[in-house]
Protein backbone atom coordinates (compact mmCIF):
# COMPACT_ATOMS: atom_id res chain seq x y z
CA MET A 1 32.62 11.30 3.21
CA ARG A 2 32.73 9.80 -0.29
CA VAL A 3 33.16 6.28 1.11
CA PHE A 4 30.10 6.81 3.30
CA GLN A 5 28.05 7.98 0.28
CA LEU A 6 29.12 4.90 -1.70
CA PHE A 7 28.18 2.72 1.26
CA LEU A 8 24.72 4.30 1.41
CA LEU A 9 24.27 3.87 -2.34
CA GLY A 10 25.22 0.19 -2.09
CA LEU A 11 22.87 -0.28 0.85
CA PHE A 12 20.04 1.39 -1.08
CA ILE A 13 20.60 -0.81 -4.14
CA ALA A 14 20.70 -4.00 -2.03
CA THR A 15 17.57 -2.97 -0.14
CA ALA A 16 15.72 -2.03 -3.33
CA GLN A 17 16.47 -5.42 -4.93
CA ALA A 18 15.46 -7.35 -1.81
CA ALA A 19 12.24 -5.35 -1.60
CA THR A 20 11.33 -6.50 -5.10
CA LEU A 21 11.77 -10.14 -4.05
CA PRO A 22 9.56 -10.53 -0.95
CA ASP A 23 9.93 -14.32 -0.94
CA VAL A 24 13.71 -13.86 -0.64
CA VAL A 25 13.26 -11.49 2.30
CA LYS A 26 11.03 -14.08 3.98
CA SER A 27 13.27 -17.05 3.06
CA PRO A 28 16.80 -15.85 2.25
CA SER A 29 18.35 -19.32 2.06
CA CYS A 30 17.33 -22.61 0.50
CA LEU A 31 15.72 -25.01 2.95
CA HIS A 32 17.65 -28.00 1.59
CA CYS A 33 21.13 -26.79 0.70
CA GLY A 34 21.41 -23.42 2.44
CA MET A 35 22.33 -21.51 -0.72
CA ASP A 36 21.60 -17.79 -0.91
CA ARG A 37 18.28 -17.42 -2.75
CA GLU A 38 19.01 -13.79 -3.64
CA LYS A 39 22.27 -14.78 -5.32
CA PHE A 40 20.34 -17.47 -7.20
CA SER A 41 17.20 -15.39 -7.66
CA HIS A 42 17.10 -16.36 -11.34
CA SER A 43 16.60 -20.06 -10.48
CA ARG A 44 14.79 -19.90 -7.14
CA MET A 45 11.48 -21.63 -6.54
CA LEU A 46 8.63 -21.44 -4.05
CA ILE A 47 6.26 -24.30 -3.22
CA GLU A 48 2.86 -23.53 -1.72
CA TYR A 49 1.13 -26.46 -0.01
CA GLU A 50 -2.55 -27.15 0.55
CA ASP A 51 -2.12 -26.57 4.31
CA GLY A 52 -0.92 -23.00 3.65
CA SER A 53 2.75 -23.67 4.34
CA THR A 54 5.47 -22.70 1.88
CA VAL A 55 8.96 -23.94 1.17
CA ALA A 56 11.57 -21.83 -0.58
CA THR A 57 14.39 -23.38 -2.61
CA CYS A 58 17.28 -22.22 -4.76
CA SER A 59 16.64 -24.46 -7.76
CA LEU A 60 14.65 -27.19 -9.45
CA HIS A 61 17.06 -29.73 -7.91
CA CYS A 62 16.15 -28.71 -4.35
CA THR A 63 12.46 -28.44 -5.29
CA ALA A 64 12.59 -32.04 -6.52
CA VAL A 65 14.19 -33.05 -3.21
CA GLU A 66 11.45 -31.24 -1.28
CA LEU A 67 8.62 -32.78 -3.27
CA ALA A 68 10.15 -36.25 -2.87
CA VAL A 69 10.52 -36.06 0.92
CA THR A 70 7.10 -34.50 1.58
CA ILE A 71 5.05 -37.08 -0.27
CA ASP A 72 2.05 -36.61 2.08
CA LYS A 73 1.83 -32.84 1.53
CA ILE A 74 -0.16 -31.65 -1.48
CA PRO A 75 1.40 -28.77 -3.45
CA VAL A 76 -1.18 -26.34 -4.80
CA MET A 77 1.33 -24.10 -6.59
CA VAL A 78 4.96 -24.44 -7.56
CA LYS A 79 6.46 -21.14 -8.64
CA VAL A 80 9.78 -20.57 -10.37
CA ALA A 81 11.73 -17.43 -11.16
CA ASP A 82 11.65 -16.22 -14.72
CA TYR A 83 15.34 -16.34 -15.71
CA GLY A 84 15.34 -12.77 -17.02
CA SER A 85 13.04 -10.75 -14.75
CA LYS A 86 13.48 -12.96 -11.64
CA GLU A 87 9.74 -12.68 -10.99
CA LEU A 88 8.01 -15.80 -9.72
CA ILE A 89 5.74 -17.49 -12.25
CA ASP A 90 3.71 -20.70 -12.34
CA SER A 91 6.21 -23.48 -13.09
CA GLU A 92 3.67 -25.38 -15.18
CA LYS A 93 3.02 -22.34 -17.40
CA ALA A 94 6.72 -21.48 -17.70
CA VAL A 95 8.67 -22.27 -20.85
CA TRP A 96 11.56 -24.47 -19.71
CA VAL A 97 14.94 -24.75 -21.42
CA MET A 98 16.99 -27.82 -20.63
CA GLY A 99 20.65 -28.31 -21.47
CA GLY A 100 22.96 -25.88 -23.18
CA SER A 101 26.24 -24.30 -22.19
CA LYS A 102 25.00 -22.14 -19.29
CA LYS A 103 25.99 -23.88 -16.04
CA GLY A 104 22.97 -24.98 -14.03
CA VAL A 105 22.23 -24.44 -10.33
CA MET A 106 22.78 -27.58 -8.21
CA THR A 107 22.93 -29.72 -11.37
CA GLY A 108 25.21 -30.72 -14.21
CA HIS A 109 22.21 -30.68 -16.57
CA ALA A 110 20.84 -27.13 -16.59
CA LYS A 111 17.12 -26.39 -16.43
CA TRP A 112 15.91 -22.77 -16.74
CA ALA A 113 12.40 -21.26 -16.71
CA PHE A 114 11.09 -18.37 -18.79
CA ALA A 115 7.83 -16.44 -18.76
CA SER A 116 7.67 -16.38 -22.56
CA ARG A 117 8.64 -18.60 -25.44
CA GLU A 118 10.43 -15.63 -27.05
CA SER A 119 12.72 -15.23 -24.02
CA ALA A 120 13.44 -18.96 -24.00
CA GLU A 121 14.27 -18.93 -27.71
CA GLN A 122 16.58 -15.93 -27.24
CA PHE A 123 18.37 -17.80 -24.43
CA ILE A 124 18.75 -20.85 -26.69
CA LYS A 125 20.35 -18.67 -29.40
CA THR A 126 23.07 -17.74 -26.91
CA TYR A 127 23.49 -20.90 -24.82
CA SER A 128 21.68 -23.62 -26.82
CA GLY A 129 19.38 -26.15 -25.13
CA ASN A 130 15.89 -27.46 -25.82
CA ILE A 131 12.43 -26.26 -24.88
CA VAL A 132 10.65 -28.74 -22.60
CA SER A 133 7.59 -28.84 -20.35
CA PHE A 134 7.72 -28.57 -16.56
CA ASP A 135 6.97 -32.30 -16.31
CA GLU A 136 9.98 -33.07 -18.51
CA ALA A 137 12.22 -30.68 -16.55
CA ILE A 138 11.31 -32.06 -13.13
CA LYS A 139 11.53 -35.65 -14.37
CA ALA A 140 15.04 -34.85 -15.58
CA ALA A 141 15.80 -33.34 -12.14
CA TYR A 142 14.82 -36.66 -10.54
CA ASP A 143 16.78 -38.61 -13.15
CA ASP A 144 19.84 -36.40 -12.49
CA MET A 145 19.48 -36.55 -8.68
CA TYR A 146 22.07 -39.25 -7.95
CA GLN A 147 24.85 -37.73 -10.06
CA ASP A 148 24.06 -34.16 -8.98
CA THR A 149 24.05 -35.12 -5.28
CA LYS A 150 27.30 -37.06 -5.67
CA THR A 151 28.94 -34.09 -7.42
CA ILE A 152 27.70 -31.60 -4.79
CA ARG A 153 29.08 -33.79 -1.99
CA GLU A 154 32.46 -34.09 -3.73
CA LEU A 155 32.66 -30.31 -4.30
CA ARG A 156 31.74 -29.57 -0.68
CA LYS A 157 34.32 -32.09 0.58
CA MET A 158 37.03 -30.46 -1.58
CA LYS A 159 36.02 -27.04 -0.26
CA ARG A 160 36.13 -28.29 3.36
CA ASP A 161 39.50 -29.99 2.80
CA LYS A 162 40.87 -26.81 1.23
CA HIS A 163 39.74 -24.69 4.21
CA GLN A 164 41.04 -27.21 6.74
CA GLY A 165 44.37 -27.48 4.90
CA GLY A 166 44.66 -23.71 4.67
CA ALA A 167 43.83 -23.26 8.36
CA SER A 168 46.50 -25.75 9.48
CA LYS A 169 49.22 -23.93 7.55
CA HIS A 170 48.77 -20.69 9.49
C-alpha cells in the first residue's frame, strides 16, 4: 500500500510540474536534437513564427540551428526559460549570462537567461560569467556551432559504441 501511495505522489508531482509548463506538454522533446525539454526546462526555448507555427528547442544552440535553417520564416517572438523560475520570457528582454563554471546545454560555452539583472548577478556570484545581450549570446551560439556540433557527435558516438560493446558482451 505504501509503495502505491508513493507512486501516486510521484505521479502527482510530475503531472503538476508538466501542467505548469504547457509548452513542454505540447512539445516534450527538442525538434533538432531530441532532448527532453522538461529535463532541460531551465534552458528551453520556443520560437513563434509570423505564420503562426512554433518550434520548441532545448537550448540556445538548437534555437540557433532552427533560425539558420529556416531563413525564409520570420520569427515574431523568441522565448527562453528564465533559469530560476523556468517560465518563458522574451529572449531579447532577458538578461543573459555567458561563460562561467556551470556546464551549458548543447554547448561548451554556457549561455543562460534570467528575467532580472539581480538573478543574473546572483548566478554570476556562484558560477561566474558575464552579462551580455541576446544578440551577443546568439552570435556566440553561431560562433560556437562548429565545435559544439563536433563535440556532440563525438559524445553520441562514444555512447553508441559503449552500448554496442556492452550488448555484444552479453
